[in-house]
Amino acid sequence: MSLNTADKIFLVVVDFAGIFMVSGIYLHMAYTKMDLMLDHLKNSAVLSPLTTLRHGGPWGKLLLIGGISGIVTFPGFYLKRGELSAEDLNNFPLPFKRKLAVLQWSVIGLLGFAALLWVIGKVVGWHQ
């Protein structure tokens, strides 16, 4: 199996465009909905180290929203350790939960796709 240059460029552009789109949505949420999300998770100890990122500019906000997204998408780990309040999680707005979960899985899928492209490139020898 050999891909021509146009196919390679298309795959890489689609992957990076997806990553940039997700990052843009995360940043939009960070600048418009951050206070609301943090208010709903105020009793959870897991956010205390992350909240300092709030004043870290766009990169800090991106990391904070990514952290909140991971916490909301995979709460079991934090609930077992007592770092996340079950009441906070239940009171977190459902539309935000859904959006953050979709974005989290999109990032996982896009990064997985990038890794798959790298592996295929190594196996097939795209560098030639």
C-alpha atoms as a PDB file:
ATOM      1  CA  MET A   1       0.000   0.000   0.000  1.00  0.00           C
ATOM      2  CA  SER A   2       1.438   3.315  -1.016  1.00  0.00           C
ATOM      3  CA  LEU A   3      -0.128   6.723  -0.580  1.00  0.00           C
ATOM      4  CA  ASN A   4       0.694   9.555  -2.898  1.00  0.00           C
ATOM      5  CA  THR A   5       1.778  12.925  -1.569  1.00  0.00           C
ATOM      6  CA  ALA A   6      -1.684  14.464  -1.859  1.00  0.00           C
ATOM      7  CA  ASP A   7      -3.195  11.700   0.294  1.00  0.00           C
ATOM      8  CA  LYS A   8      -0.506  12.139   2.935  1.00  0.00           C
ATOM      9  CA  ILE A   9      -0.996  15.894   3.048  1.00  0.00           C
ATOM     10  CA  PHE A  10      -4.773  15.479   3.232  1.00  0.00           C
ATOM     11  CA  LEU A  11      -4.555  13.074   6.180  1.00  0.00           C
ATOM     12  CA  VAL A  12      -2.143  15.275   8.094  1.00  0.00           C
ATOM     13  CA  VAL A  13      -4.118  18.456   7.385  1.00  0.00           C
ATOM     14  CA  VAL A  14      -7.403  16.833   8.472  1.00  0.00           C
ATOM     15  CA  ASP A  15      -5.811  15.621  11.701  1.00  0.00           C
ATOM     16  CA  PHE A  16      -4.189  18.952  12.560  1.00  0.00           C
ATOM     17  CA  ALA A  17      -7.308  20.887  11.540  1.00  0.00           C
ATOM     18  CA  GLY A  18      -9.330  18.745  13.919  1.00  0.00           C
ATOM     19  CA  ILE A  19      -6.875  19.351  16.748  1.00  0.00           C
ATOM     20  CA  PHE A  20      -6.936  23.113  16.115  1.00  0.00           C
ATOM     21  CA  MET A  21     -10.742  23.137  15.976  1.00  0.00           C
ATOM     22  CA  VAL A  22     -11.015  21.322  19.302  1.00  0.00           C
ATOM     23  CA  SER A  23      -8.446  23.697  20.799  1.00  0.00           C
ATOM     24  CA  GLY A  24     -10.468  26.656  19.548  1.00  0.00           C
ATOM     25  CA  ILE A  25     -13.660  25.293  21.104  1.00  0.00           C
ATOM     26  CA  TYR A  26     -11.810  24.678  24.383  1.00  0.00           C
ATOM     27  CA  LEU A  27     -10.485  28.263  24.353  1.00  0.00           C
ATOM     28  CA  HIS A  28     -13.924  29.665  23.584  1.00  0.00           C
ATOM     29  CA  MET A  29     -15.376  27.762  26.511  1.00  0.00           C
ATOM     30  CA  ALA A  30     -12.481  28.886  28.714  1.00  0.00           C
ATOM     31  CA  TYR A  31     -13.085  32.554  27.992  1.00  0.00           C
ATOM     32  CA  THR A  32     -16.897  32.432  28.126  1.00  0.00           C
ATOM     33  CA  LYS A  33     -17.937  29.631  30.533  1.00  0.00           C
ATOM     34  CA  MET A  34     -14.974  29.195  32.895  1.00  0.00           C
ATOM     35  CA  ASP A  35     -16.585  30.876  35.922  1.00  0.00           C
ATOM     36  CA  LEU A  36     -19.751  28.807  35.596  1.00  0.00           C
ATOM     37  CA  MET A  37     -17.841  25.535  35.355  1.00  0.00           C
ATOM     38  CA  LEU A  38     -15.575  26.361  38.298  1.00  0.00           C
ATOM     39  CA  ASP A  39     -18.576  27.390  40.404  1.00  0.00           C
ATOM     40  CA  HIS A  40     -20.153  23.981  39.833  1.00  0.00           C
ATOM     41  CA  LEU A  41     -16.960  22.208  40.944  1.00  0.00           C
ATOM     42  CA  LYS A  42     -16.127  24.432  43.923  1.00  0.00           C
ATOM     43  CA  ASN A  43     -16.287  21.617  46.542  1.00  0.00           C
ATOM     44  CA  SER A  44     -13.871  19.359  44.656  1.00  0.00           C
ATOM     45  CA  ALA A  45     -10.253  19.228  45.826  1.00  0.00           C
ATOM     46  CA  VAL A  46      -9.027  18.042  42.440  1.00  0.00           C
ATOM     47  CA  LEU A  47      -9.375  21.530  40.970  1.00  0.00           C
ATOM     48  CA  SER A  48      -7.349  23.430  43.555  1.00  0.00           C
ATOM     49  CA  PRO A  49      -3.970  22.878  41.825  1.00  0.00           C
ATOM     50  CA  LEU A  50      -5.526  23.527  38.417  1.00  0.00           C
ATOM     51  CA  THR A  51      -7.186  26.841  39.251  1.00  0.00           C
ATOM     52  CA  THR A  52      -3.834  28.635  39.272  1.00  0.00           C
ATOM     53  CA  LEU A  53      -3.722  27.985  35.531  1.00  0.00           C
ATOM     54  CA  ARG A  54      -6.703  30.303  35.168  1.00  0.00           C
ATOM     55  CA  HIS A  55      -4.373  33.298  35.136  1.00  0.00           C
ATOM     56  CA  GLY A  56      -1.798  31.676  32.869  1.00  0.00           C
ATOM     57  CA  GLY A  57      -3.016  33.206  29.629  1.00  0.00           C
ATOM     58  CA  PRO A  58      -4.496  31.194  26.767  1.00  0.00           C
ATOM     59  CA  TRP A  59      -2.241  28.186  27.362  1.00  0.00           C
ATOM     60  CA  GLY A  60      -3.183  28.046  31.050  1.00  0.00           C
ATOM     61  CA  LYS A  61      -6.869  28.330  30.236  1.00  0.00           C
ATOM     62  CA  LEU A  62      -6.523  25.575  27.641  1.00  0.00           C
ATOM     63  CA  LEU A  63      -4.872  23.296  30.211  1.00  0.00           C
ATOM     64  CA  LEU A  64      -7.523  24.117  32.815  1.00  0.00           C
ATOM     65  CA  ILE A  65     -10.416  23.349  30.470  1.00  0.00           C
ATOM     66  CA  GLY A  66      -8.648  20.168  29.376  1.00  0.00           C
ATOM     67  CA  GLY A  67      -8.318  19.171  33.016  1.00  0.00           C
ATOM     68  CA  ILE A  68     -11.979  19.874  33.725  1.00  0.00           C
ATOM     69  CA  SER A  69     -12.882  17.922  30.604  1.00  0.00           C
ATOM     70  CA  GLY A  70     -10.872  14.927  31.761  1.00  0.00           C
ATOM     71  CA  ILE A  71     -12.387  15.102  35.239  1.00  0.00           C
ATOM     72  CA  VAL A  72     -15.954  15.273  33.922  1.00  0.00           C
ATOM     73  CA  THR A  73     -15.397  12.590  31.266  1.00  0.00           C
ATOM     74  CA  PHE A  74     -13.604  10.112  33.535  1.00  0.00           C
ATOM     75  CA  PRO A  75     -14.891  10.907  37.049  1.00  0.00           C
ATOM     76  CA  GLY A  76     -14.507   7.406  38.528  1.00  0.00           C
ATOM     77  CA  PHE A  77     -10.809   7.802  39.281  1.00  0.00           C
ATOM     78  CA  TYR A  78     -11.346  11.082  41.138  1.00  0.00           C
ATOM     79  CA  LEU A  79     -14.471   9.898  42.952  1.00  0.00           C
ATOM     80  CA  LYS A  80     -12.676   6.800  44.311  1.00  0.00           C
ATOM     81  CA  ARG A  81      -9.836   8.920  45.674  1.00  0.00           C
ATOM     82  CA  GLY A  82     -12.243  11.432  47.228  1.00  0.00           C
ATOM     83  CA  GLU A  83     -10.916  14.338  45.189  1.00  0.00           C
ATOM     84  CA  LEU A  84     -14.186  14.962  43.358  1.00  0.00           C
ATOM     85  CA  SER A  85     -17.455  15.689  45.088  1.00  0.00           C
ATOM     86  CA  ALA A  86     -20.275  13.496  43.785  1.00  0.00           C
ATOM     87  CA  GLU A  87     -22.677  16.348  44.495  1.00  0.00           C
ATOM     88  CA  ASP A  88     -20.620  18.716  42.334  1.00  0.00           C
ATOM     89  CA  LEU A  89     -20.548  16.171  39.526  1.00  0.00           C
ATOM     90  CA  ASN A  90     -24.317  15.605  39.703  1.00  0.00           C
ATOM     91  CA  ASN A  91     -24.997  19.351  39.717  1.00  0.00           C
ATOM     92  CA  PHE A  92     -22.661  20.044  36.791  1.00  0.00           C
ATOM     93  CA  PRO A  93     -24.809  21.189  33.825  1.00  0.00           C
ATOM     94  CA  LEU A  94     -25.571  18.288  31.490  1.00  0.00           C
ATOM     95  CA  PRO A  95     -24.957  20.253  28.246  1.00  0.00           C
ATOM     96  CA  PHE A  96     -21.442  21.098  29.479  1.00  0.00           C
ATOM     97  CA  LYS A  97     -20.843  17.484  30.499  1.00  0.00           C
ATOM     98  CA  ARG A  98     -21.819  16.261  27.061  1.00  0.00           C
ATOM     99  CA  LYS A  99     -19.801  18.894  25.221  1.00  0.00           C
ATOM    100  CA  LEU A 100     -16.708  18.299  27.340  1.00  0.00           C
ATOM    101  CA  ALA A 101     -17.013  14.523  26.943  1.00  0.00           C
ATOM    102  CA  VAL A 102     -17.336  14.807  23.162  1.00  0.00           C
ATOM    103  CA  LEU A 103     -14.346  17.141  23.027  1.00  0.00           C
ATOM    104  CA  GLN A 104     -12.277  14.864  25.283  1.00  0.00           C
ATOM    105  CA  TRP A 105     -13.000  11.806  23.145  1.00  0.00           C
ATOM    106  CA  SER A 106     -12.337  13.854  19.999  1.00  0.00           C
ATOM    107  CA  VAL A 107      -8.884  14.788  21.291  1.00  0.00           C
ATOM    108  CA  ILE A 108      -8.180  11.166  22.196  1.00  0.00           C
ATOM    109  CA  GLY A 109      -9.327  10.056  18.732  1.00  0.00           C
ATOM    110  CA  LEU A 110      -7.343  12.724  16.886  1.00  0.00           C
ATOM    111  CA  LEU A 111      -4.167  12.006  18.836  1.00  0.00           C
ATOM    112  CA  GLY A 112      -4.710   8.296  18.240  1.00  0.00           C
ATOM    113  CA  PHE A 113      -5.163   8.987  14.539  1.00  0.00           C
ATOM    114  CA  ALA A 114      -1.927  10.996  14.494  1.00  0.00           C
ATOM    115  CA  ALA A 115      -0.112   8.128  16.213  1.00  0.00           C
ATOM    116  CA  LEU A 116      -1.602   5.676  13.721  1.00  0.00           C
ATOM    117  CA  LEU A 117      -0.412   7.842  10.810  1.00  0.00           C
ATOM    118  CA  TRP A 118       3.065   7.892  12.328  1.00  0.00           C
ATOM    119  CA  VAL A 119       3.121   4.103  12.744  1.00  0.00           C
ATOM    120  CA  ILE A 120       1.831   3.534   9.214  1.00  0.00           C
ATOM    121  CA  GLY A 121       4.418   5.981   7.934  1.00  0.00           C
ATOM    122  CA  LYS A 122       7.171   4.068   9.681  1.00  0.00           C
ATOM    123  CA  VAL A 123       5.944   0.670   8.488  1.00  0.00           C
ATOM    124  CA  VAL A 124       5.220   1.688   4.900  1.00  0.00           C
ATOM    125  CA  GLY A 125       8.210   4.004   4.678  1.00  0.00           C
ATOM    126  CA  TRP A 126       6.601   7.314   3.753  1.00  0.00           C
ATOM    127  CA  HIS A 127       9.887   9.071   4.258  1.00  0.00           C
ATOM    128  CA  GLN A 128      11.092   7.890   0.864  1.00  0.00           C
END
